[in-house]
C-alpha cells in the first residue's frame, strides 16, 4: 500500500511494505515504515527537522506505529533537477514564472 501526498514543503510518500490490520500490527509488533521525501534545495535545517517531526507524527497517527519505528529518507533535489510537464524548475526563478507549483517560493536574487 502506498500513500502519496503533496505537502506544502514538498512531496512525501509513505511506503511500508504491506500494512496489515492494526490488530495484527499490535500482536506482531510494529511494522517499520520507510518514508521517502524529495524536496527542492533551499530549506533551512530547522524547516527540514520540523517536516520530519510532522511526517513522523502523521505516520504514528495514521499507521498506529511507534515513533521509533519510523524511518525517513530526505533527499534534496538540485535546482533544475525537477521538472513539470518536461520543463525544468529552478530555485532562483521568480514565483510568478514557476507559479510556485512545487510549493516552494525561492529566495529573491539580490542584484549587486
PDB file of N, CA and C in Angstrom:
ATOM      1  N   UNK A   1       0.850  -1.160   0.000  1.00  0.00           N
ATOM      2  CA  UNK A   1       0.000   0.000   0.000  1.00  0.00           C
ATOM      3  C   UNK A   1       0.902   1.230   0.000  1.00  0.00           C
ATOM      4  N   UNK A   2       0.604   2.202  -0.818  1.00  0.00           N
ATOM      5  CA  UNK A   2       1.407   3.420  -0.907  1.00  0.00           C
ATOM      6  C   UNK A   2       0.497   4.618  -0.707  1.00  0.00           C
ATOM      7  N   UNK A   3       0.902   5.547   0.126  1.00  0.00           N
ATOM      8  CA  UNK A   3       0.171   6.775   0.349  1.00  0.00           C
ATOM      9  C   UNK A   3       0.969   7.907  -0.283  1.00  0.00           C
ATOM     10  N   UNK A   4       0.358   8.674  -1.167  1.00  0.00           N
ATOM     11  CA  UNK A   4       1.022   9.819  -1.764  1.00  0.00           C
ATOM     12  C   UNK A   4       0.335  11.076  -1.259  1.00  0.00           C
ATOM     13  N   UNK A   5       1.123  12.070  -0.974  1.00  0.00           N
ATOM     14  CA  UNK A   5       0.560  13.331  -0.503  1.00  0.00           C
ATOM     15  C   UNK A   5       1.455  14.461  -0.952  1.00  0.00           C
ATOM     16  N   UNK A   6       0.867  15.485  -1.532  1.00  0.00           N
ATOM     17  CA  UNK A   6       1.624  16.677  -1.857  1.00  0.00           C
ATOM     18  C   UNK A   6       1.505  17.606  -0.657  1.00  0.00           C
ATOM     19  N   UNK A   7       2.607  17.824   0.006  1.00  0.00           N
ATOM     20  CA  UNK A   7       2.636  18.689   1.185  1.00  0.00           C
ATOM     21  C   UNK A   7       3.130  20.069   0.775  1.00  0.00           C
ATOM     22  N   UNK A   8       2.895  21.046   1.619  1.00  0.00           N
ATOM     23  CA  UNK A   8       3.309  22.410   1.322  1.00  0.00           C
ATOM     24  C   UNK A   8       4.827  22.482   1.149  1.00  0.00           C
ATOM     25  N   UNK A   9       5.564  21.650   1.835  1.00  0.00           N
ATOM     26  CA  UNK A   9       7.016  21.717   1.776  1.00  0.00           C
ATOM     27  C   UNK A   9       7.622  20.736   0.781  1.00  0.00           C
ATOM     28  N   UNK A  10       6.846  19.951   0.090  1.00  0.00           N
ATOM     29  CA  UNK A  10       7.391  19.010  -0.871  1.00  0.00           C
ATOM     30  C   UNK A  10       6.492  17.809  -1.038  1.00  0.00           C
ATOM     31  N   UNK A  11       6.992  16.786  -1.678  1.00  0.00           N
ATOM     32  CA  UNK A  11       6.252  15.563  -1.916  1.00  0.00           C
ATOM     33  C   UNK A  11       6.759  14.503  -0.953  1.00  0.00           C
ATOM     34  N   UNK A  12       5.856  13.819  -0.285  1.00  0.00           N
ATOM     35  CA  UNK A  12       6.282  12.735   0.581  1.00  0.00           C
ATOM     36  C   UNK A  12       5.410  11.523   0.333  1.00  0.00           C
ATOM     37  N   UNK A  13       6.017  10.363   0.458  1.00  0.00           N
ATOM     38  CA  UNK A  13       5.319   9.105   0.202  1.00  0.00           C
ATOM     39  C   UNK A  13       5.583   8.155   1.354  1.00  0.00           C
ATOM     40  N   UNK A  14       4.545   7.608   1.914  1.00  0.00           N
ATOM     41  CA  UNK A  14       4.693   6.554   2.907  1.00  0.00           C
ATOM     42  C   UNK A  14       4.728   5.233   2.150  1.00  0.00           C
ATOM     43  N   UNK A  15       5.785   4.459   2.354  1.00  0.00           N
ATOM     44  CA  UNK A  15       5.926   3.237   1.578  1.00  0.00           C
ATOM     45  C   UNK A  15       6.214   2.026   2.464  1.00  0.00           C
ATOM     46  N   UNK A  16       5.321   1.702   3.395  1.00  0.00           N
ATOM     47  CA  UNK A  16       5.525   0.467   4.143  1.00  0.00           C
ATOM     48  C   UNK A  16       5.266  -0.725   3.225  1.00  0.00           C
ATOM     49  N   UNK A  17       5.974  -1.799   3.455  1.00  0.00           N
ATOM     50  CA  UNK A  17       5.870  -2.955   2.565  1.00  0.00           C
ATOM     51  C   UNK A  17       4.411  -3.357   2.372  1.00  0.00           C
ATOM     52  N   UNK A  18       3.803  -3.929   3.350  1.00  0.00           N
ATOM     53  CA  UNK A  18       2.365  -4.205   3.344  1.00  0.00           C
ATOM     54  C   UNK A  18       1.890  -3.987   4.762  1.00  0.00           C
ATOM     55  N   UNK A  19       0.926  -3.127   4.930  1.00  0.00           N
ATOM     56  CA  UNK A  19       0.471  -2.798   6.270  1.00  0.00           C
ATOM     57  C   UNK A  19      -0.716  -3.683   6.619  1.00  0.00           C
ATOM     58  N   UNK A  20      -0.533  -4.618   7.544  1.00  0.00           N
ATOM     59  CA  UNK A  20      -1.656  -5.455   7.957  1.00  0.00           C
ATOM     60  C   UNK A  20      -2.625  -4.667   8.826  1.00  0.00           C
ATOM     61  N   UNK A  21      -3.705  -5.292   9.202  1.00  0.00           N
ATOM     62  CA  UNK A  21      -4.671  -4.657  10.078  1.00  0.00           C
ATOM     63  C   UNK A  21      -3.997  -4.234  11.376  1.00  0.00           C
ATOM     64  N   UNK A  22      -4.521  -3.191  12.008  1.00  0.00           N
ATOM     65  CA  UNK A  22      -3.931  -2.667  13.239  1.00  0.00           C
ATOM     66  C   UNK A  22      -3.820  -3.727  14.328  1.00  0.00           C
ATOM     67  N   UNK A  23      -4.826  -4.593  14.461  1.00  0.00           N
ATOM     68  CA  UNK A  23      -4.759  -5.633  15.485  1.00  0.00           C
ATOM     69  C   UNK A  23      -3.585  -6.565  15.230  1.00  0.00           C
ATOM     70  N   UNK A  24      -3.372  -6.913  13.972  1.00  0.00           N
ATOM     71  CA  UNK A  24      -2.248  -7.779  13.631  1.00  0.00           C
ATOM     72  C   UNK A  24      -0.925  -7.071  13.905  1.00  0.00           C
ATOM     73  N   UNK A  25      -0.869  -5.760  13.643  1.00  0.00           N
ATOM     74  CA  UNK A  25       0.345  -4.988  13.938  1.00  0.00           C
ATOM     75  C   UNK A  25       0.672  -5.056  15.422  1.00  0.00           C
ATOM     76  N   UNK A  26      -0.348  -4.833  16.251  1.00  0.00           N
ATOM     77  CA  UNK A  26      -0.121  -4.827  17.689  1.00  0.00           C
ATOM     78  C   UNK A  26       0.277  -6.209  18.191  1.00  0.00           C
ATOM     79  N   UNK A  27      -0.251  -7.248  17.583  1.00  0.00           N
ATOM     80  CA  UNK A  27       0.070  -8.607  18.008  1.00  0.00           C
ATOM     81  C   UNK A  27       1.498  -8.989  17.618  1.00  0.00           C
ATOM     82  N   UNK A  28       1.944  -8.566  16.452  1.00  0.00           N
ATOM     83  CA  UNK A  28       3.259  -8.961  15.954  1.00  0.00           C
ATOM     84  C   UNK A  28       4.343  -7.949  16.264  1.00  0.00           C
ATOM     85  N   UNK A  29       3.991  -6.737  16.657  1.00  0.00           N
ATOM     86  CA  UNK A  29       4.968  -5.667  16.789  1.00  0.00           C
ATOM     87  C   UNK A  29       4.807  -4.753  15.585  1.00  0.00           C
ATOM     88  N   UNK A  30       5.260  -3.536  15.715  1.00  0.00           N
ATOM     89  CA  UNK A  30       5.031  -2.534  14.679  1.00  0.00           C
ATOM     90  C   UNK A  30       5.873  -2.796  13.438  1.00  0.00           C
ATOM     91  N   UNK A  31       5.257  -2.590  12.291  1.00  0.00           N
ATOM     92  CA  UNK A  31       5.983  -2.612  11.034  1.00  0.00           C
ATOM     93  C   UNK A  31       6.816  -1.341  10.957  1.00  0.00           C
ATOM     94  N   UNK A  32       7.882  -1.358  10.187  1.00  0.00           N
ATOM     95  CA  UNK A  32       8.749  -0.198  10.077  1.00  0.00           C
ATOM     96  C   UNK A  32       8.478   0.518   8.760  1.00  0.00           C
ATOM     97  N   UNK A  33       7.707   1.618   8.785  1.00  0.00           N
ATOM     98  CA  UNK A  33       7.506   2.366   7.541  1.00  0.00           C
ATOM     99  C   UNK A  33       8.772   3.132   7.178  1.00  0.00           C
ATOM    100  N   UNK A  34       9.104   3.114   5.899  1.00  0.00           N
ATOM    101  CA  UNK A  34      10.223   3.892   5.374  1.00  0.00           C
ATOM    102  C   UNK A  34       9.615   4.968   4.492  1.00  0.00           C
ATOM    103  N   UNK A  35       9.867   6.210   4.837  1.00  0.00           N
ATOM    104  CA  UNK A  35       9.239   7.342   4.166  1.00  0.00           C
ATOM    105  C   UNK A  35      10.303   8.109   3.392  1.00  0.00           C
ATOM    106  N   UNK A  36      10.070   8.257   2.090  1.00  0.00           N
ATOM    107  CA  UNK A  36      10.995   8.988   1.219  1.00  0.00           C
ATOM    108  C   UNK A  36      10.429  10.387   0.976  1.00  0.00           C
ATOM    109  N   UNK A  37      11.246  11.410   1.207  1.00  0.00           N
ATOM    110  CA  UNK A  37      10.830  12.790   0.978  1.00  0.00           C
ATOM    111  C   UNK A  37      11.802  13.422  -0.004  1.00  0.00           C
ATOM    112  N   UNK A  38      11.262  13.996  -1.072  1.00  0.00           N
ATOM    113  CA  UNK A  38      12.069  14.709  -2.057  1.00  0.00           C
ATOM    114  C   UNK A  38      11.696  16.186  -1.981  1.00  0.00           C
ATOM    115  N   UNK A  39      12.687  17.046  -1.753  1.00  0.00           N
ATOM    116  CA  UNK A  39      12.461  18.481  -1.644  1.00  0.00           C
ATOM    117  C   UNK A  39      13.416  19.227  -2.563  1.00  0.00           C
ATOM    118  N   UNK A  40      12.952  20.332  -3.108  1.00  0.00           N
ATOM    119  CA  UNK A  40      13.863  21.223  -3.804  1.00  0.00           C
ATOM    120  C   UNK A  40      14.818  21.798  -2.766  1.00  0.00           C
ATOM    121  N   UNK A  41      16.060  22.007  -3.141  1.00  0.00           N
ATOM    122  CA  UNK A  41      17.039  22.565  -2.217  1.00  0.00           C
ATOM    123  C   UNK A  41      16.626  23.968  -1.781  1.00  0.00           C
ATOM    124  N   UNK A  42      17.161  24.411  -0.653  1.00  0.00           N
ATOM    125  CA  UNK A  42      16.910  25.760  -0.200  1.00  0.00           C
ATOM    126  C   UNK A  42      16.185  25.872   1.124  1.00  0.00           C
ATOM    127  N   UNK A  43      15.749  24.746   1.711  1.00  0.00           N
ATOM    128  CA  UNK A  43      15.089  24.816   3.018  1.00  0.00           C
ATOM    129  C   UNK A  43      16.151  24.884   4.106  1.00  0.00           C
ATOM    130  N   UNK A  44      15.786  25.479   5.229  1.00  0.00           N
ATOM    131  CA  UNK A  44      16.714  25.533   6.354  1.00  0.00           C
ATOM    132  C   UNK A  44      16.702  24.196   7.088  1.00  0.00           C
ATOM    133  N   UNK A  45      17.726  23.994   7.893  1.00  0.00           N
ATOM    134  CA  UNK A  45      17.791  22.783   8.716  1.00  0.00           C
ATOM    135  C   UNK A  45      16.572  22.704   9.623  1.00  0.00           C
ATOM    136  N   UNK A  46      16.164  23.845  10.173  1.00  0.00           N
ATOM    137  CA  UNK A  46      15.006  23.870  11.073  1.00  0.00           C
ATOM    138  C   UNK A  46      13.727  23.456  10.340  1.00  0.00           C
ATOM    139  N   UNK A  47      13.559  23.911   9.093  1.00  0.00           N
ATOM    140  CA  UNK A  47      12.374  23.531   8.316  1.00  0.00           C
ATOM    141  C   UNK A  47      12.366  22.033   8.035  1.00  0.00           C
ATOM    142  N   UNK A  48      13.516  21.483   7.674  1.00  0.00           N
ATOM    143  CA  UNK A  48      13.594  20.044   7.378  1.00  0.00           C
ATOM    144  C   UNK A  48      13.336  19.218   8.635  1.00  0.00           C
ATOM    145  N   UNK A  49      13.866  19.661   9.770  1.00  0.00           N
ATOM    146  CA  UNK A  49      13.627  18.940  11.016  1.00  0.00           C
ATOM    147  C   UNK A  49      12.151  18.983  11.397  1.00  0.00           C
ATOM    148  N   UNK A  50      11.522  20.150  11.220  1.00  0.00           N
ATOM    149  CA  UNK A  50      10.093  20.272  11.529  1.00  0.00           C
ATOM    150  C   UNK A  50       9.271  19.365  10.620  1.00  0.00           C
ATOM    151  N   UNK A  51       9.614  19.306   9.342  1.00  0.00           N
ATOM    152  CA  UNK A  51       8.913  18.433   8.400  1.00  0.00           C
ATOM    153  C   UNK A  51       9.030  16.975   8.830  1.00  0.00           C
ATOM    154  N   UNK A  52      10.235  16.540   9.180  1.00  0.00           N
ATOM    155  CA  UNK A  52      10.433  15.153   9.584  1.00  0.00           C
ATOM    156  C   UNK A  52       9.661  14.825  10.856  1.00  0.00           C
ATOM    157  N   UNK A  53       9.596  15.762  11.805  1.00  0.00           N
ATOM    158  CA  UNK A  53       8.802  15.534  13.021  1.00  0.00           C
ATOM    159  C   UNK A  53       7.323  15.387  12.685  1.00  0.00           C
ATOM    160  N   UNK A  54       6.794  16.262  11.827  1.00  0.00           N
ATOM    161  CA  UNK A  54       5.371  16.227  11.480  1.00  0.00           C
ATOM    162  C   UNK A  54       5.018  14.976  10.672  1.00  0.00           C
ATOM    163  N   UNK A  55       5.894  14.574   9.761  1.00  0.00           N
ATOM    164  CA  UNK A  55       5.634  13.358   8.975  1.00  0.00           C
ATOM    165  C   UNK A  55       5.670  12.140   9.891  1.00  0.00           C
ATOM    166  N   UNK A  56       6.600  12.126  10.831  1.00  0.00           N
ATOM    167  CA  UNK A  56       6.646  11.024  11.803  1.00  0.00           C
ATOM    168  C   UNK A  56       5.349  10.974  12.596  1.00  0.00           C
ATOM    169  N   UNK A  57       4.884  12.129  13.044  1.00  0.00           N
ATOM    170  CA  UNK A  57       3.624  12.194  13.797  1.00  0.00           C
ATOM    171  C   UNK A  57       2.461  11.672  12.938  1.00  0.00           C
ATOM    172  N   UNK A  58       2.434  12.035  11.655  1.00  0.00           N
ATOM    173  CA  UNK A  58       1.362  11.566  10.768  1.00  0.00           C
ATOM    174  C   UNK A  58       1.418  10.045  10.607  1.00  0.00           C
ATOM    175  N   UNK A  59       2.611   9.490  10.494  1.00  0.00           N
ATOM    176  CA  UNK A  59       2.750   8.034  10.366  1.00  0.00           C
ATOM    177  C   UNK A  59       2.285   7.339  11.641  1.00  0.00           C
ATOM    178  N   UNK A  60       2.653   7.890  12.782  1.00  0.00           N
ATOM    179  CA  UNK A  60       2.235   7.311  14.062  1.00  0.00           C
ATOM    180  C   UNK A  60       0.714   7.333  14.183  1.00  0.00           C
ATOM    181  N   UNK A  61       0.110   8.487  13.863  1.00  0.00           N
ATOM    182  CA  UNK A  61      -1.345   8.631  13.989  1.00  0.00           C
ATOM    183  C   UNK A  61      -2.115   7.768  12.994  1.00  0.00           C
ATOM    184  N   UNK A  62      -1.647   7.701  11.753  1.00  0.00           N
ATOM    185  CA  UNK A  62      -2.416   7.005  10.717  1.00  0.00           C
ATOM    186  C   UNK A  62      -2.104   5.521  10.617  1.00  0.00           C
ATOM    187  N   UNK A  63      -0.876   5.111  10.957  1.00  0.00           N
ATOM    188  CA  UNK A  63      -0.494   3.711  10.804  1.00  0.00           C
ATOM    189  C   UNK A  63      -0.465   2.949  12.120  1.00  0.00           C
ATOM    190  N   UNK A  64      -0.528   3.673  13.231  1.00  0.00           N
ATOM    191  CA  UNK A  64      -0.505   3.008  14.529  1.00  0.00           C
ATOM    192  C   UNK A  64       0.848   2.417  14.876  1.00  0.00           C
ATOM    193  N   UNK A  65       1.933   3.017  14.384  1.00  0.00           N
ATOM    194  CA  UNK A  65       3.281   2.533  14.681  1.00  0.00           C
ATOM    195  C   UNK A  65       3.905   3.413  15.751  1.00  0.00           C
ATOM    196  N   UNK A  66       4.990   2.932  16.333  1.00  0.00           N
ATOM    197  CA  UNK A  66       5.721   3.711  17.324  1.00  0.00           C
ATOM    198  C   UNK A  66       6.652   4.680  16.597  1.00  0.00           C
ATOM    199  N   UNK A  67       6.866   5.861  17.158  1.00  0.00           N
ATOM    200  CA  UNK A  67       7.768   6.824  16.505  1.00  0.00           C
ATOM    201  C   UNK A  67       9.158   6.245  16.240  1.00  0.00           C
ATOM    202  N   UNK A  68       9.630   5.366  17.133  1.00  0.00           N
ATOM    203  CA  UNK A  68      10.960   4.778  16.979  1.00  0.00           C
ATOM    204  C   UNK A  68      11.069   3.872  15.755  1.00  0.00           C
ATOM    205  N   UNK A  69       9.933   3.425  15.232  1.00  0.00           N
ATOM    206  CA  UNK A  69       9.981   2.528  14.074  1.00  0.00           C
ATOM    207  C   UNK A  69       9.931   3.275  12.745  1.00  0.00           C
ATOM    208  N   UNK A  70       9.666   4.571  12.771  1.00  0.00           N
ATOM    209  CA  UNK A  70       9.529   5.359  11.546  1.00  0.00           C
ATOM    210  C   UNK A  70      10.907   5.758  11.035  1.00  0.00           C
ATOM    211  N   UNK A  71      11.162   5.479   9.766  1.00  0.00           N
ATOM    212  CA  UNK A  71      12.416   5.859   9.102  1.00  0.00           C
ATOM    213  C   UNK A  71      12.082   6.859   8.008  1.00  0.00           C
ATOM    214  N   UNK A  72      12.826   7.961   7.948  1.00  0.00           N
ATOM    215  CA  UNK A  72      12.606   8.985   6.928  1.00  0.00           C
ATOM    216  C   UNK A  72      13.905   9.208   6.165  1.00  0.00           C
ATOM    217  N   UNK A  73      13.802   9.169   4.848  1.00  0.00           N
ATOM    218  CA  UNK A  73      14.931   9.459   3.971  1.00  0.00           C
ATOM    219  C   UNK A  73      14.613  10.754   3.239  1.00  0.00           C
ATOM    220  N   UNK A  74      15.363  11.803   3.534  1.00  0.00           N
ATOM    221  CA  UNK A  74      15.125  13.106   2.929  1.00  0.00           C
ATOM    222  C   UNK A  74      16.184  13.341   1.861  1.00  0.00           C
ATOM    223  N   UNK A  75      15.735  13.616   0.649  1.00  0.00           N
ATOM    224  CA  UNK A  75      16.648  13.870  -0.455  1.00  0.00           C
ATOM    225  C   UNK A  75      16.355  15.246  -1.022  1.00  0.00           C
ATOM    226  N   UNK A  76      17.386  16.104  -1.041  1.00  0.00           N
ATOM    227  CA  UNK A  76      17.227  17.421  -1.625  1.00  0.00           C
ATOM    228  C   UNK A  76      17.599  17.363  -3.098  1.00  0.00           C
ATOM    229  N   UNK A  77      16.740  17.947  -3.918  1.00  0.00           N
ATOM    230  CA  UNK A  77      16.960  17.982  -5.352  1.00  0.00           C
ATOM    231  C   UNK A  77      17.630  19.297  -5.729  1.00  0.00           C
ATOM    232  N   UNK A  78      18.661  19.213  -6.542  1.00  0.00           N
ATOM    233  CA  UNK A  78      19.319  20.426  -7.013  1.00  0.00           C
ATOM    234  C   UNK A  78      18.380  21.215  -7.901  1.00  0.00           C
ATOM    235  N   UNK A  79      18.558  22.511  -7.889  1.00  0.00           N
ATOM    236  CA  UNK A  79      17.789  23.375  -8.768  1.00  0.00           C
ATOM    237  C   UNK A  79      17.983  22.903 -10.207  1.00  0.00           C
ATOM    238  N   UNK A  80      16.884  22.757 -10.927  1.00  0.00           N
ATOM    239  CA  UNK A  80      16.947  22.283 -12.302  1.00  0.00           C
ATOM    240  C   UNK A  80      16.859  20.772 -12.449  1.00  0.00           C
ATOM    241  N   UNK A  81      16.899  20.036 -11.336  1.00  0.00           N
ATOM    242  CA  UNK A  81      16.793  18.575 -11.388  1.00  0.00           C
ATOM    243  C   UNK A  81      15.373  18.114 -11.095  1.00  0.00           C
ATOM    244  N   UNK A  82      14.416  18.981 -11.342  1.00  0.00           N
ATOM    245  CA  UNK A  82      12.993  18.708 -11.133  1.00  0.00           C
ATOM    246  C   UNK A  82      12.264  19.386 -12.286  1.00  0.00           C
ATOM    247  N   UNK A  83      11.275  18.723 -12.840  1.00  0.00           N
ATOM    248  CA  UNK A  83      10.556  19.342 -13.953  1.00  0.00           C
ATOM    249  C   UNK A  83       9.058  19.128 -13.810  1.00  0.00           C
ATOM    250  N   UNK A  84       8.316  20.020 -14.442  1.00  0.00           N
ATOM    251  CA  UNK A  84       6.865  19.912 -14.549  1.00  0.00           C
ATOM    252  C   UNK A  84       6.550  19.997 -16.031  1.00  0.00           C
ATOM    253  N   UNK A  85       5.837  19.012 -16.543  1.00  0.00           N
ATOM    254  CA  UNK A  85       5.479  18.941 -17.960  1.00  0.00           C
ATOM    255  C   UNK A  85       6.722  19.035 -18.835  1.00  0.00           C
ATOM    256  N   UNK A  86       7.814  18.430 -18.380  1.00  0.00           N
ATOM    257  CA  UNK A  86       9.041  18.388 -19.166  1.00  0.00           C
ATOM    258  C   UNK A  86       9.907  19.628 -19.076  1.00  0.00           C
ATOM    259  N   UNK A  87       9.460  20.634 -18.342  1.00  0.00           N
ATOM    260  CA  UNK A  87      10.223  21.874 -18.210  1.00  0.00           C
ATOM    261  C   UNK A  87      10.923  21.914 -16.853  1.00  0.00           C
ATOM    262  N   UNK A  88      12.260  22.052 -16.844  1.00  0.00           N
ATOM    263  CA  UNK A  88      12.968  22.093 -15.566  1.00  0.00           C
ATOM    264  C   UNK A  88      12.574  23.306 -14.739  1.00  0.00           C
ATOM    265  N   UNK A  89      12.551  23.120 -13.437  1.00  0.00           N
ATOM    266  CA  UNK A  89      12.237  24.197 -12.500  1.00  0.00           C
ATOM    267  C   UNK A  89      13.515  24.564 -11.753  1.00  0.00           C
ATOM    268  N   UNK A  90      13.719  25.851 -11.599  1.00  0.00           N
ATOM    269  CA  UNK A  90      14.930  26.355 -10.954  1.00  0.00           C
ATOM    270  C   UNK A  90      14.554  27.147  -9.714  1.00  0.00           C
ATOM    271  N   UNK A  91      15.320  26.965  -8.643  1.00  0.00           N
ATOM    272  CA  UNK A  91      15.034  27.626  -7.377  1.00  0.00           C
ATOM    273  C   UNK A  91      15.231  29.129  -7.447  1.00  0.00           C
ATOM    274  N   UNK A  92      16.005  29.621  -8.406  1.00  0.00           N
ATOM    275  CA  UNK A  92      16.281  31.054  -8.451  1.00  0.00           C
ATOM    276  C   UNK A  92      15.388  31.810  -9.427  1.00  0.00           C
ATOM    277  N   UNK A  93      14.292  31.199  -9.897  1.00  0.00           N
ATOM    278  CA  UNK A  93      13.361  31.892 -10.783  1.00  0.00           C
ATOM    279  C   UNK A  93      12.280  32.577  -9.977  1.00  0.00           C
ATOM    280  N   UNK A  94      11.612  33.541 -10.579  1.00  0.00           N
ATOM    281  CA  UNK A  94      10.544  34.269  -9.900  1.00  0.00           C
ATOM    282  C   UNK A  94       9.351  33.343  -9.651  1.00  0.00           C
ATOM    283  N   UNK A  95       8.667  33.472  -8.497  1.00  0.00           N
ATOM    284  CA  UNK A  95       7.491  32.637  -8.228  1.00  0.00           C
ATOM    285  C   UNK A  95       6.409  32.800  -9.283  1.00  0.00           C
ATOM    286  N   UNK A  96       6.260  33.992  -9.847  1.00  0.00           N
ATOM    287  CA  UNK A  96       5.233  34.216 -10.866  1.00  0.00           C
ATOM    288  C   UNK A  96       5.515  33.383 -12.106  1.00  0.00           C
ATOM    289  N   UNK A  97       6.800  33.168 -12.406  1.00  0.00           N
ATOM    290  CA  UNK A  97       7.166  32.387 -13.585  1.00  0.00           C
ATOM    291  C   UNK A  97       6.873  30.907 -13.346  1.00  0.00           C
ATOM    292  N   UNK A  98       7.264  30.398 -12.173  1.00  0.00           N
ATOM    293  CA  UNK A  98       7.057  28.981 -11.890  1.00  0.00           C
ATOM    294  C   UNK A  98       5.655  28.725 -11.358  1.00  0.00           C
ATOM    295  N   UNK A  99       4.987  29.785 -10.916  1.00  0.00           N
ATOM    296  CA  UNK A  99       3.673  29.600 -10.307  1.00  0.00           C
ATOM    297  C   UNK A  99       3.781  28.906  -8.970  1.00  0.00           C
ATOM    298  N   UNK A 100       5.016  28.812  -8.455  1.00  0.00           N
ATOM    299  CA  UNK A 100       5.277  28.112  -7.193  1.00  0.00           C
ATOM    300  C   UNK A 100       4.582  26.756  -7.186  1.00  0.00           C
ATOM    301  N   UNK A 101       4.623  26.077  -8.338  1.00  0.00           N
ATOM    302  CA  UNK A 101       3.909  24.809  -8.499  1.00  0.00           C
ATOM    303  C   UNK A 101       4.391  23.744  -7.535  1.00  0.00           C
ATOM    304  N   UNK A 102       5.649  23.840  -7.104  1.00  0.00           N
ATOM    305  CA  UNK A 102       6.150  22.835  -6.181  1.00  0.00           C
ATOM    306  C   UNK A 102       6.008  23.278  -4.740  1.00  0.00           C
ATOM    307  N   UNK A 103       5.289  24.388  -4.500  1.00  0.00           N
ATOM    308  CA  UNK A 103       5.068  24.848  -3.143  1.00  0.00           C
ATOM    309  C   UNK A 103       6.243  25.579  -2.548  1.00  0.00           C
ATOM    310  N   UNK A 104       7.266  25.836  -3.342  1.00  0.00           N
ATOM    311  CA  UNK A 104       8.486  26.466  -2.847  1.00  0.00           C
ATOM    312  C   UNK A 104       8.632  27.845  -3.453  1.00  0.00           C
ATOM    313  N   UNK A 105       8.656  28.853  -2.616  1.00  0.00           N
ATOM    314  CA  UNK A 105       8.885  30.207  -3.079  1.00  0.00           C
ATOM    315  C   UNK A 105      10.355  30.511  -2.879  1.00  0.00           C
ATOM    316  N   UNK A 106      11.123  30.602  -3.970  1.00  0.00           N
ATOM    317  CA  UNK A 106      12.561  30.796  -3.835  1.00  0.00           C
ATOM    318  C   UNK A 106      12.895  32.164  -3.247  1.00  0.00           C
ATOM    319  N   UNK A 107      14.097  32.230  -2.664  1.00  0.00           N
ATOM    320  CA  UNK A 107      14.568  33.496  -2.130  1.00  0.00           C
ATOM    321  C   UNK A 107      14.830  34.460  -3.280  1.00  0.00           C
ATOM    322  N   UNK A 108      14.514  35.752  -3.109  1.00  0.00           N
ATOM    323  CA  UNK A 108      14.788  36.706  -4.163  1.00  0.00           C
ATOM    324  C   UNK A 108      16.294  36.820  -4.407  1.00  0.00           C
ATOM    325  N   UNK A 109      16.655  36.996  -5.661  1.00  0.00           N
ATOM    326  CA  UNK A 109      18.059  37.142  -6.034  1.00  0.00           C
ATOM    327  C   UNK A 109      18.389  38.624  -5.945  1.00  0.00           C
ATOM    328  N   UNK A 110      19.422  38.939  -5.130  1.00  0.00           N
ATOM    329  CA  UNK A 110      19.813  40.345  -4.996  1.00  0.00           C
ATOM    330  C   UNK A 110      20.723  40.733  -6.161  1.00  0.00           C
ATOM    331  N   UNK A 111      20.572  41.939  -6.655  1.00  0.00           N
ATOM    332  CA  UNK A 111      21.406  42.410  -7.754  1.00  0.00           C
ATOM    333  C   UNK A 111      22.459  43.357  -7.192  1.00  0.00           C
ATOM    334  N   UNK A 112      23.686  42.901  -7.178  1.00  0.00           N
ATOM    335  CA  UNK A 112      24.812  43.721  -6.683  1.00  0.00           C
ATOM    336  C   UNK A 112      25.686  44.154  -7.823  1.00  0.00           C
TER     337      UNK A 112
END
